[in-house]
Amino acid sequence: MFTGIVEATGTVEALPDIERGGRLSVRVPEPLQCIEVGDSLAINGVCLTVVERGGGRLHFDVVPETLKRSNLGDLKCGATLNLERPLAGDGRINGHFVQGHVDATVELLDVEEVGNSQLLRMAAPRPIRRYMALKGSIAIDGISLTIAELGEDDFKVAIIPHTWEVTNLCTKRRGDRLNVEVDIIAKYIESLITYGDPTLYNSLIENREP
């Protein structure tokens, strides 16, 4: 379990084959070099397991399914990654509950500077749009953010200067894919409401207006 508060950024040094999977190698800053083999780490919001460490690098085995369903499959060597260790049992929840399970990727449609903030507009595909709420929480590339504006097929988040500086959002450009994890509470509520009634569930999935 994570909270969407990025601890640091890392740099891609080696990439897996997108069709066959393989090893992802990331150079990490000193505070994260103490992570042990077998520990979890959120990489752009994707929960991965450390399989090797040393020389200031952490290595992860990544399967084709993960590469295709997240923007890890779009990475290039030298790319900047958001990193977060799991929530400690006695830690504070400064963001919101994030599982590290990407629900979808969305296209970055526009970046607009508004005052001291950056306003990011992204597509909101129907399968995840129904879980969104104005001023609700959403994880974008592993960052806990608040939905500032919500349209029928898009949404916006406002990025404060600190978040812009310490995450990889400042490297993103129009057309890039971003990982999205919706609030788990919304999915549980939907499951409770539709349990035992497949007709109602299918109606929500297929016919609900955004």
Protein backbone atom coordinates (compact mmCIF):
# COMPACT_ATOMS: atom_id res chain seq x y z
CA MET A 1 0.00 0.00 0.00
CA PHE A 2 1.26 3.46 -0.95
CA THR A 3 0.00 7.00 -0.44
CA GLY A 4 0.93 8.74 -3.67
CA ILE A 5 3.60 10.94 -2.06
CA VAL A 6 6.68 10.63 -4.26
CA GLU A 7 9.87 10.27 -2.19
CA ALA A 8 12.37 10.72 -4.99
CA THR A 9 12.94 10.29 -8.69
CA GLY A 10 15.16 7.75 -10.42
CA THR A 11 16.63 7.35 -13.88
CA VAL A 12 16.11 4.46 -16.30
CA GLU A 13 19.39 2.74 -17.18
CA ALA A 14 18.21 -0.50 -18.80
CA LEU A 15 14.87 -1.54 -20.29
CA PRO A 16 13.03 -4.85 -20.72
CA ASP A 17 11.81 -6.09 -24.09
CA ILE A 18 8.20 -4.94 -24.46
CA GLU A 19 7.09 -8.22 -26.06
CA ARG A 20 8.95 -10.65 -23.80
CA GLY A 21 9.46 -8.67 -20.60
CA GLY A 22 12.72 -8.65 -18.70
CA ARG A 23 14.84 -6.50 -16.43
CA LEU A 24 14.23 -2.83 -15.66
CA SER A 25 17.25 -1.13 -14.08
CA VAL A 26 16.88 2.19 -12.28
CA ARG A 27 19.53 4.43 -10.77
CA VAL A 28 18.16 5.71 -7.47
CA PRO A 29 19.31 8.38 -4.99
CA GLU A 30 21.15 7.39 -1.83
CA PRO A 31 18.14 7.31 0.56
CA LEU A 32 16.55 4.54 -1.53
CA GLN A 33 19.72 2.49 -2.01
CA CYS A 34 19.05 0.72 1.30
CA ILE A 35 16.04 -1.09 -0.17
CA GLU A 36 16.46 -4.87 0.05
CA VAL A 37 15.83 -7.59 -2.50
CA GLY A 38 12.18 -8.66 -2.18
CA ASP A 39 10.97 -5.20 -1.15
CA SER A 40 8.28 -3.38 -3.10
CA LEU A 41 8.68 -0.01 -4.76
CA ALA A 42 6.16 2.05 -6.72
CA ILE A 43 7.63 3.04 -10.10
CA ASN A 44 5.41 5.66 -11.80
CA GLY A 45 2.62 4.23 -9.67
CA VAL A 46 3.31 0.59 -10.59
CA CYS A 47 4.15 -1.71 -7.67
CA LEU A 48 7.28 -3.70 -8.56
CA THR A 49 9.56 -6.03 -6.59
CA VAL A 50 13.29 -5.46 -6.23
CA VAL A 51 15.11 -8.55 -7.52
CA GLU A 52 18.69 -7.22 -7.45
CA ARG A 53 20.51 -4.21 -6.03
CA GLY A 54 23.96 -2.68 -6.07
CA GLY A 55 26.02 0.16 -7.45
CA GLY A 56 23.33 2.71 -6.78
CA ARG A 57 20.86 0.77 -8.92
CA LEU A 58 17.73 -1.26 -8.28
CA HIS A 59 16.62 -3.95 -10.70
CA PHE A 60 13.09 -5.22 -11.33
CA ASP A 61 11.63 -8.04 -13.41
CA VAL A 62 8.75 -6.69 -15.49
CA VAL A 63 6.30 -8.89 -17.42
CA PRO A 64 4.75 -8.03 -20.83
CA GLU A 65 1.30 -7.51 -19.23
CA THR A 66 2.67 -4.70 -17.04
CA LEU A 67 4.54 -3.10 -19.92
CA LYS A 68 1.44 -3.03 -22.12
CA ARG A 69 -1.01 -1.83 -19.45
CA SER A 70 1.18 0.97 -18.07
CA ASN A 71 3.48 3.61 -19.45
CA LEU A 72 6.48 1.55 -18.39
CA GLY A 73 6.30 0.18 -21.93
CA ASP A 74 6.93 3.68 -23.29
CA LEU A 75 10.11 4.33 -21.33
CA LYS A 76 13.43 5.30 -22.86
CA CYS A 77 16.85 5.14 -21.26
CA GLY A 78 17.42 8.31 -19.27
CA ALA A 79 13.72 8.79 -18.49
CA THR A 80 12.79 10.12 -15.04
CA LEU A 81 10.67 7.88 -12.79
CA ASN A 82 8.60 8.64 -9.69
CA LEU A 83 9.59 6.45 -6.73
CA GLU A 84 7.75 5.67 -3.49
CA ARG A 85 8.33 3.03 -0.85
CA PRO A 86 5.29 1.33 0.76
CA LEU A 87 3.52 3.01 3.65
CA ALA A 88 4.98 2.09 7.04
CA GLY A 89 2.50 0.85 9.63
CA ASP A 90 3.15 3.86 11.85
CA GLY A 91 3.37 6.38 9.01
CA ARG A 92 1.14 9.32 8.18
CA ILE A 93 -1.17 9.18 5.16
CA ASN A 94 -0.39 12.48 3.50
CA GLY A 95 -2.00 11.51 0.18
CA HIS A 96 -4.60 8.75 -0.16
CA PHE A 97 -4.61 4.94 -0.31
CA VAL A 98 -2.84 3.83 -3.50
CA GLN A 99 -2.33 0.15 -4.29
CA GLY A 100 0.19 0.42 -7.08
CA HIS A 101 -2.24 -1.29 -9.48
CA VAL A 102 -2.66 0.83 -12.60
CA ASP A 103 -6.27 0.90 -13.86
CA ALA A 104 -5.56 2.56 -17.20
CA THR A 105 -3.31 4.93 -19.06
CA VAL A 106 -4.60 8.29 -20.26
CA GLU A 107 -3.33 10.76 -22.81
CA LEU A 108 -2.00 14.11 -21.65
CA LEU A 109 -4.00 16.58 -23.74
CA ASP A 110 -2.67 19.92 -22.59
CA VAL A 111 -0.43 21.68 -20.04
CA GLU A 112 -1.36 25.24 -19.11
CA GLU A 113 0.47 27.57 -16.74
CA VAL A 114 -2.06 29.25 -14.42
CA GLY A 115 -0.53 31.62 -11.90
CA ASN A 116 2.06 29.64 -9.96
CA SER A 117 0.54 26.27 -10.94
CA GLN A 118 0.49 23.96 -13.94
CA LEU A 119 -2.95 22.77 -15.04
CA LEU A 120 -2.84 19.37 -16.72
CA ARG A 121 -5.78 18.23 -18.86
CA MET A 122 -6.10 14.51 -19.54
CA ALA A 123 -8.50 12.22 -21.33
CA ALA A 124 -11.02 10.35 -19.16
CA PRO A 125 -11.98 7.06 -20.88
CA ARG A 126 -15.42 5.70 -19.94
CA PRO A 127 -14.10 2.67 -17.99
CA ILE A 128 -12.44 4.95 -15.42
CA ARG A 129 -14.54 8.13 -15.78
CA ARG A 130 -17.32 6.67 -13.63
CA TYR A 131 -14.96 6.40 -10.64
CA MET A 132 -14.00 10.08 -10.74
CA ALA A 133 -15.49 12.85 -8.61
CA LEU A 134 -14.84 16.58 -8.59
CA LYS A 135 -12.31 17.32 -5.82
CA GLY A 136 -11.82 13.58 -5.40
CA SER A 137 -8.45 11.83 -5.25
CA ILE A 138 -6.68 10.20 -8.19
CA ALA A 139 -3.15 8.83 -8.65
CA ILE A 140 -1.32 10.02 -11.79
CA ASP A 141 2.03 8.30 -12.39
CA GLY A 142 1.97 7.40 -8.70
CA ILE A 143 1.26 10.97 -7.49
CA SER A 144 -1.75 11.59 -5.25
CA LEU A 145 -3.64 14.49 -6.87
CA THR A 146 -7.02 16.18 -6.61
CA ILE A 147 -9.38 16.46 -9.58
CA ALA A 148 -9.80 20.20 -10.13
CA GLU A 149 -12.16 20.07 -13.12
CA LEU A 150 -14.21 17.20 -14.50
CA GLY A 151 -15.77 17.05 -17.95
CA GLU A 152 -17.64 14.35 -19.84
CA ASP A 153 -14.50 12.88 -21.36
CA ASP A 154 -11.62 14.76 -19.75
CA PHE A 155 -10.39 16.01 -16.39
CA LYS A 156 -7.84 18.45 -15.01
CA VAL A 157 -5.46 18.47 -12.07
CA ALA A 158 -3.60 21.51 -10.72
CA ILE A 159 0.06 20.97 -9.88
CA ILE A 160 1.73 23.11 -7.22
CA PRO A 161 5.34 24.26 -7.81
CA HIS A 162 6.82 21.77 -5.31
CA THR A 163 5.17 18.76 -6.98
CA TRP A 164 6.18 20.08 -10.40
CA GLU A 165 9.82 20.28 -9.28
CA VAL A 166 10.21 16.99 -7.39
CA THR A 167 8.32 14.60 -9.70
CA ASN A 168 8.57 13.64 -13.37
CA LEU A 169 5.51 15.70 -14.37
CA CYS A 170 7.76 18.54 -15.56
CA THR A 171 9.17 16.16 -18.21
CA LYS A 172 5.77 15.24 -19.66
CA ARG A 173 4.56 16.56 -22.99
CA ARG A 174 1.25 16.64 -24.85
CA GLY A 175 0.46 13.17 -26.20
CA ASP A 176 2.36 11.28 -23.47
CA ARG A 177 0.65 8.41 -21.68
CA LEU A 178 0.19 8.69 -17.92
CA ASN A 179 -0.62 5.90 -15.49
CA VAL A 180 -3.91 6.29 -13.63
CA GLU A 181 -5.14 4.51 -10.52
CA VAL A 182 -8.61 5.50 -9.39
CA ASP A 183 -9.73 5.60 -5.76
CA ILE A 184 -10.18 2.03 -4.48
CA ILE A 185 -13.14 3.14 -2.33
CA ALA A 186 -15.17 3.99 -5.45
CA LYS A 187 -14.54 0.52 -6.88
CA TYR A 188 -15.58 -1.19 -3.65
CA ILE A 189 -18.81 0.83 -3.52
CA GLU A 190 -19.64 -0.18 -7.08
CA SER A 191 -18.93 -3.82 -6.26
CA LEU A 192 -21.20 -3.73 -3.19
CA ILE A 193 -24.05 -2.09 -5.11
CA THR A 194 -23.92 -4.48 -8.05
CA TYR A 195 -23.02 -7.73 -6.24
CA GLY A 196 -25.33 -10.56 -7.26
CA ASP A 197 -26.92 -8.53 -10.06
CA PRO A 198 -24.86 -8.97 -13.24
CA THR A 199 -27.48 -7.08 -15.27
CA LEU A 200 -27.03 -3.98 -13.12
CA TYR A 201 -23.26 -4.32 -13.20
CA ASN A 202 -23.16 -4.65 -16.99
CA SER A 203 -25.49 -1.67 -17.30
CA LEU A 204 -23.11 0.45 -15.24
CA ILE A 205 -20.13 -0.65 -17.30
CA GLU A 206 -21.67 -0.29 -20.74
CA ASN A 207 -24.41 2.33 -20.56
CA ARG A 208 -23.74 4.74 -17.73
CA GLU A 209 -23.33 8.29 -18.97
CA PRO A 210 -19.98 9.88 -18.03
